[in-house]
Amino acid sequence: MSKYGEGVREPFATSGLINVSIEDYDGSSHTSIHPDEARLLGLRLIKMADEAEAQEW
């Protein structure tokens, strides 16, 4: 397992975009997002992680 989770590959930047790949038993998914979208996604993931921790018993 990578530091990002099982099946999540290291994101990388190329041609001004951030590329993300996720693989599981059904296949793989790849996407490229704009740097501003990546920043917003990162902030949203941090907020959701805080919410998930607060729900732990």
PDB file of N, CA and C in Angstrom:
ATOM      1  N   MET A   1       0.847  -1.179   0.000  1.00  0.00           N
ATOM      2  CA  MET A   1       0.000   0.000   0.000  1.00  0.00           C
ATOM      3  C   MET A   1       0.892   1.243   0.000  1.00  0.00           C
ATOM      4  N   SER A   2       0.503   2.247  -0.795  1.00  0.00           N
ATOM      5  CA  SER A   2       1.267   3.485  -0.847  1.00  0.00           C
ATOM      6  C   SER A   2       0.902   4.355   0.349  1.00  0.00           C
ATOM      7  N   LYS A   3       1.616   5.435   0.508  1.00  0.00           N
ATOM      8  CA  LYS A   3       1.316   6.351   1.608  1.00  0.00           C
ATOM      9  C   LYS A   3      -0.023   7.059   1.408  1.00  0.00           C
ATOM     10  N   TYR A   4      -0.612   6.950   0.230  1.00  0.00           N
ATOM     11  CA  TYR A   4      -1.903   7.579  -0.058  1.00  0.00           C
ATOM     12  C   TYR A   4      -3.072   6.624   0.098  1.00  0.00           C
ATOM     13  N   GLY A   5      -2.795   5.359   0.263  1.00  0.00           N
ATOM     14  CA  GLY A   5      -3.845   4.359   0.399  1.00  0.00           C
ATOM     15  C   GLY A   5      -3.658   3.252  -0.625  1.00  0.00           C
ATOM     16  N   GLU A   6      -4.386   2.179  -0.409  1.00  0.00           N
ATOM     17  CA  GLU A   6      -4.262   1.019  -1.277  1.00  0.00           C
ATOM     18  C   GLU A   6      -4.702   1.345  -2.705  1.00  0.00           C
ATOM     19  N   GLY A   7      -3.835   1.073  -3.651  1.00  0.00           N
ATOM     20  CA  GLY A   7      -4.166   1.280  -5.060  1.00  0.00           C
ATOM     21  C   GLY A   7      -4.000   2.701  -5.558  1.00  0.00           C
ATOM     22  N   VAL A   8      -3.645   3.645  -4.689  1.00  0.00           N
ATOM     23  CA  VAL A   8      -3.488   5.040  -5.101  1.00  0.00           C
ATOM     24  C   VAL A   8      -2.019   5.280  -5.420  1.00  0.00           C
ATOM     25  N   ARG A   9      -1.757   5.645  -6.643  1.00  0.00           N
ATOM     26  CA  ARG A   9      -0.380   5.908  -7.057  1.00  0.00           C
ATOM     27  C   ARG A   9       0.027   7.333  -6.701  1.00  0.00           C
ATOM     28  N   GLU A  10       1.312   7.559  -6.681  1.00  0.00           N
ATOM     29  CA  GLU A  10       1.868   8.888  -6.415  1.00  0.00           C
ATOM     30  C   GLU A  10       1.371   9.867  -7.485  1.00  0.00           C
ATOM     31  N   PRO A  11       0.687  10.951  -7.087  1.00  0.00           N
ATOM     32  CA  PRO A  11       0.275  11.957  -8.076  1.00  0.00           C
ATOM     33  C   PRO A  11       1.522  12.628  -8.673  1.00  0.00           C
ATOM     34  N   PHE A  12       1.406  13.108  -9.902  1.00  0.00           N
ATOM     35  CA  PHE A  12       2.534  13.801 -10.510  1.00  0.00           C
ATOM     36  C   PHE A  12       2.016  14.925 -11.402  1.00  0.00           C
ATOM     37  N   ALA A  13       2.868  15.919 -11.610  1.00  0.00           N
ATOM     38  CA  ALA A  13       2.505  17.071 -12.430  1.00  0.00           C
ATOM     39  C   ALA A  13       3.210  16.972 -13.780  1.00  0.00           C
ATOM     40  N   THR A  14       2.445  17.259 -14.821  1.00  0.00           N
ATOM     41  CA  THR A  14       3.005  17.315 -16.162  1.00  0.00           C
ATOM     42  C   THR A  14       2.127  18.205 -17.036  1.00  0.00           C
ATOM     43  N   SER A  15       2.729  18.961 -17.869  1.00  0.00           N
ATOM     44  CA  SER A  15       2.014  19.848 -18.805  1.00  0.00           C
ATOM     45  C   SER A  15       1.030  20.764 -18.089  1.00  0.00           C
ATOM     46  N   GLY A  16       1.371  21.187 -16.881  1.00  0.00           N
ATOM     47  CA  GLY A  16       0.521  22.122 -16.150  1.00  0.00           C
ATOM     48  C   GLY A  16      -0.684  21.493 -15.471  1.00  0.00           C
ATOM     49  N   LEU A  17      -0.759  20.164 -15.409  1.00  0.00           N
ATOM     50  CA  LEU A  17      -1.875  19.472 -14.773  1.00  0.00           C
ATOM     51  C   LEU A  17      -1.354  18.490 -13.733  1.00  0.00           C
ATOM     52  N   ILE A  18      -2.202  18.138 -12.777  1.00  0.00           N
ATOM     53  CA  ILE A  18      -1.892  17.117 -11.782  1.00  0.00           C
ATOM     54  C   ILE A  18      -2.579  15.844 -12.223  1.00  0.00           C
ATOM     55  N   ASN A  19      -1.823  14.756 -12.294  1.00  0.00           N
ATOM     56  CA  ASN A  19      -2.329  13.463 -12.737  1.00  0.00           C
ATOM     57  C   ASN A  19      -2.450  12.530 -11.546  1.00  0.00           C
ATOM     58  N   VAL A  20      -3.601  11.877 -11.421  1.00  0.00           N
ATOM     59  CA  VAL A  20      -3.877  10.967 -10.319  1.00  0.00           C
ATOM     60  C   VAL A  20      -4.362   9.636 -10.910  1.00  0.00           C
ATOM     61  N   SER A  21      -3.832   8.526 -10.376  1.00  0.00           N
ATOM     62  CA  SER A  21      -4.237   7.190 -10.823  1.00  0.00           C
ATOM     63  C   SER A  21      -4.619   6.353  -9.614  1.00  0.00           C
ATOM     64  N   ILE A  22      -5.727   5.633  -9.740  1.00  0.00           N
ATOM     65  CA  ILE A  22      -6.197   4.719  -8.698  1.00  0.00           C
ATOM     66  C   ILE A  22      -6.488   3.385  -9.359  1.00  0.00           C
ATOM     67  N   GLU A  23      -5.995   2.315  -8.755  1.00  0.00           N
ATOM     68  CA  GLU A  23      -6.217   0.971  -9.291  1.00  0.00           C
ATOM     69  C   GLU A  23      -6.881   0.097  -8.238  1.00  0.00           C
ATOM     70  N   ASP A  24      -7.841  -0.721  -8.676  1.00  0.00           N
ATOM     71  CA  ASP A  24      -8.453  -1.716  -7.793  1.00  0.00           C
ATOM     72  C   ASP A  24      -8.744  -2.969  -8.610  1.00  0.00           C
ATOM     73  N   TYR A  25      -9.420  -3.921  -8.029  1.00  0.00           N
ATOM     74  CA  TYR A  25      -9.652  -5.194  -8.719  1.00  0.00           C
ATOM     75  C   TYR A  25     -10.538  -5.051  -9.951  1.00  0.00           C
ATOM     76  N   ASP A  26     -11.309  -3.979 -10.074  1.00  0.00           N
ATOM     77  CA  ASP A  26     -12.165  -3.756 -11.243  1.00  0.00           C
ATOM     78  C   ASP A  26     -11.434  -3.081 -12.397  1.00  0.00           C
ATOM     79  N   GLY A  27     -10.247  -2.572 -12.132  1.00  0.00           N
ATOM     80  CA  GLY A  27      -9.515  -1.860 -13.174  1.00  0.00           C
ATOM     81  C   GLY A  27      -8.828  -0.647 -12.598  1.00  0.00           C
ATOM     82  N   SER A  28      -8.706   0.385 -13.403  1.00  0.00           N
ATOM     83  CA  SER A  28      -8.038   1.590 -12.933  1.00  0.00           C
ATOM     84  C   SER A  28      -8.748   2.828 -13.436  1.00  0.00           C
ATOM     85  N   SER A  29      -8.521   3.922 -12.717  1.00  0.00           N
ATOM     86  CA  SER A  29      -9.072   5.222 -13.090  1.00  0.00           C
ATOM     87  C   SER A  29      -7.939   6.230 -13.099  1.00  0.00           C
ATOM     88  N   HIS A  30      -7.973   7.098 -14.080  1.00  0.00           N
ATOM     89  CA  HIS A  30      -6.952   8.125 -14.215  1.00  0.00           C
ATOM     90  C   HIS A  30      -7.651   9.447 -14.481  1.00  0.00           C
ATOM     91  N   THR A  31      -7.126  10.505 -13.881  1.00  0.00           N
ATOM     92  CA  THR A  31      -7.671  11.825 -14.175  1.00  0.00           C
ATOM     93  C   THR A  31      -6.564  12.855 -14.116  1.00  0.00           C
ATOM     94  N   SER A  32      -6.777  13.956 -14.791  1.00  0.00           N
ATOM     95  CA  SER A  32      -5.879  15.104 -14.747  1.00  0.00           C
ATOM     96  C   SER A  32      -6.705  16.302 -14.326  1.00  0.00           C
ATOM     97  N   ILE A  33      -6.198  17.034 -13.348  1.00  0.00           N
ATOM     98  CA  ILE A  33      -6.941  18.199 -12.866  1.00  0.00           C
ATOM     99  C   ILE A  33      -6.030  19.423 -12.833  1.00  0.00           C
ATOM    100  N   HIS A  34      -6.649  20.567 -12.951  1.00  0.00           N
ATOM    101  CA  HIS A  34      -5.973  21.854 -12.931  1.00  0.00           C
ATOM    102  C   HIS A  34      -5.425  22.103 -11.522  1.00  0.00           C
ATOM    103  N   PRO A  35      -4.321  22.820 -11.386  1.00  0.00           N
ATOM    104  CA  PRO A  35      -3.771  23.083 -10.058  1.00  0.00           C
ATOM    105  C   PRO A  35      -4.759  23.700  -9.068  1.00  0.00           C
ATOM    106  N   ASP A  36      -5.607  24.615  -9.516  1.00  0.00           N
ATOM    107  CA  ASP A  36      -6.602  25.211  -8.610  1.00  0.00           C
ATOM    108  C   ASP A  36      -7.605  24.164  -8.131  1.00  0.00           C
ATOM    109  N   GLU A  37      -8.012  23.256  -9.019  1.00  0.00           N
ATOM    110  CA  GLU A  37      -8.915  22.174  -8.626  1.00  0.00           C
ATOM    111  C   GLU A  37      -8.235  21.250  -7.615  1.00  0.00           C
ATOM    112  N   ALA A  38      -6.949  20.991  -7.819  1.00  0.00           N
ATOM    113  CA  ALA A  38      -6.207  20.140  -6.892  1.00  0.00           C
ATOM    114  C   ALA A  38      -6.140  20.787  -5.511  1.00  0.00           C
ATOM    115  N   ARG A  39      -5.934  22.086  -5.461  1.00  0.00           N
ATOM    116  CA  ARG A  39      -5.906  22.794  -4.172  1.00  0.00           C
ATOM    117  C   ARG A  39      -7.252  22.692  -3.468  1.00  0.00           C
ATOM    118  N   LEU A  40      -8.328  22.919  -4.201  1.00  0.00           N
ATOM    119  CA  LEU A  40      -9.667  22.832  -3.600  1.00  0.00           C
ATOM    120  C   LEU A  40      -9.961  21.419  -3.123  1.00  0.00           C
ATOM    121  N   LEU A  41      -9.581  20.422  -3.916  1.00  0.00           N
ATOM    122  CA  LEU A  41      -9.777  19.033  -3.521  1.00  0.00           C
ATOM    123  C   LEU A  41      -8.986  18.723  -2.257  1.00  0.00           C
ATOM    124  N   GLY A  42      -7.747  19.183  -2.183  1.00  0.00           N
ATOM    125  CA  GLY A  42      -6.926  18.962  -0.998  1.00  0.00           C
ATOM    126  C   GLY A  42      -7.557  19.553   0.245  1.00  0.00           C
ATOM    127  N   LEU A  43      -8.070  20.773   0.139  1.00  0.00           N
ATOM    128  CA  LEU A  43      -8.730  21.408   1.283  1.00  0.00           C
ATOM    129  C   LEU A  43      -9.986  20.646   1.689  1.00  0.00           C
ATOM    130  N   ARG A  44     -10.750  20.200   0.720  1.00  0.00           N
ATOM    131  CA  ARG A  44     -11.976  19.439   1.009  1.00  0.00           C
ATOM    132  C   ARG A  44     -11.640  18.116   1.677  1.00  0.00           C
ATOM    133  N   LEU A  45     -10.598  17.437   1.218  1.00  0.00           N
ATOM    134  CA  LEU A  45     -10.199  16.180   1.830  1.00  0.00           C
ATOM    135  C   LEU A  45      -9.752  16.384   3.271  1.00  0.00           C
ATOM    136  N   ILE A  46      -9.048  17.472   3.553  1.00  0.00           N
ATOM    137  CA  ILE A  46      -8.643  17.766   4.930  1.00  0.00           C
ATOM    138  C   ILE A  46      -9.878  17.979   5.801  1.00  0.00           C
ATOM    139  N   LYS A  47     -10.854  18.737   5.300  1.00  0.00           N
ATOM    140  CA  LYS A  47     -12.085  18.983   6.063  1.00  0.00           C
ATOM    141  C   LYS A  47     -12.829  17.669   6.323  1.00  0.00           C
ATOM    142  N   MET A  48     -12.926  16.820   5.300  1.00  0.00           N
ATOM    143  CA  MET A  48     -13.627  15.548   5.463  1.00  0.00           C
ATOM    144  C   MET A  48     -12.887  14.627   6.432  1.00  0.00           C
ATOM    145  N   ALA A  49     -11.559  14.660   6.418  1.00  0.00           N
ATOM    146  CA  ALA A  49     -10.781  13.848   7.359  1.00  0.00           C
ATOM    147  C   ALA A  49     -11.055  14.294   8.791  1.00  0.00           C
ATOM    148  N   ASP A  50     -11.137  15.595   9.012  1.00  0.00           N
ATOM    149  CA  ASP A  50     -11.466  16.112  10.348  1.00  0.00           C
ATOM    150  C   ASP A  50     -12.859  15.667  10.781  1.00  0.00           C
ATOM    151  N   GLU A  51     -13.824  15.713   9.844  1.00  0.00           N
ATOM    152  CA  GLU A  51     -15.185  15.278  10.154  1.00  0.00           C
ATOM    153  C   GLU A  51     -15.222  13.786  10.477  1.00  0.00           C
ATOM    154  N   ALA A  52     -14.476  12.988   9.716  1.00  0.00           N
ATOM    155  CA  ALA A  52     -14.454  11.532   9.956  1.00  0.00           C
ATOM    156  C   ALA A  52     -13.832  11.234  11.314  1.00  0.00           C
ATOM    157  N   GLU A  53     -12.766  11.924  11.678  1.00  0.00           N
ATOM    158  CA  GLU A  53     -12.141  11.708  12.996  1.00  0.00           C
ATOM    159  C   GLU A  53     -13.099  12.054  14.128  1.00  0.00           C
ATOM    160  N   ALA A  54     -13.885  13.103  13.943  1.00  0.00           N
ATOM    161  CA  ALA A  54     -14.841  13.507  14.966  1.00  0.00           C
ATOM    162  C   ALA A  54     -15.944  12.477  15.156  1.00  0.00           C
ATOM    163  N   GLN A  55     -16.202  11.644  14.136  1.00  0.00           N
ATOM    164  CA  GLN A  55     -17.244  10.630  14.217  1.00  0.00           C
ATOM    165  C   GLN A  55     -16.770   9.336  14.849  1.00  0.00           C
ATOM    166  N   GLU A  56     -15.447   9.210  15.031  1.00  0.00           N
ATOM    167  CA  GLU A  56     -14.916   7.979  15.630  1.00  0.00           C
ATOM    168  C   GLU A  56     -15.369   7.871  17.074  1.00  0.00           C
ATOM    169  N   TRP A  57     -15.580   6.640  17.528  1.00  0.00           N
ATOM    170  CA  TRP A  57     -16.084   6.431  18.882  1.00  0.00           C
ATOM    171  C   TRP A  57     -14.975   6.400  19.833  1.00  0.00           C
TER     172      TRP A  57
END
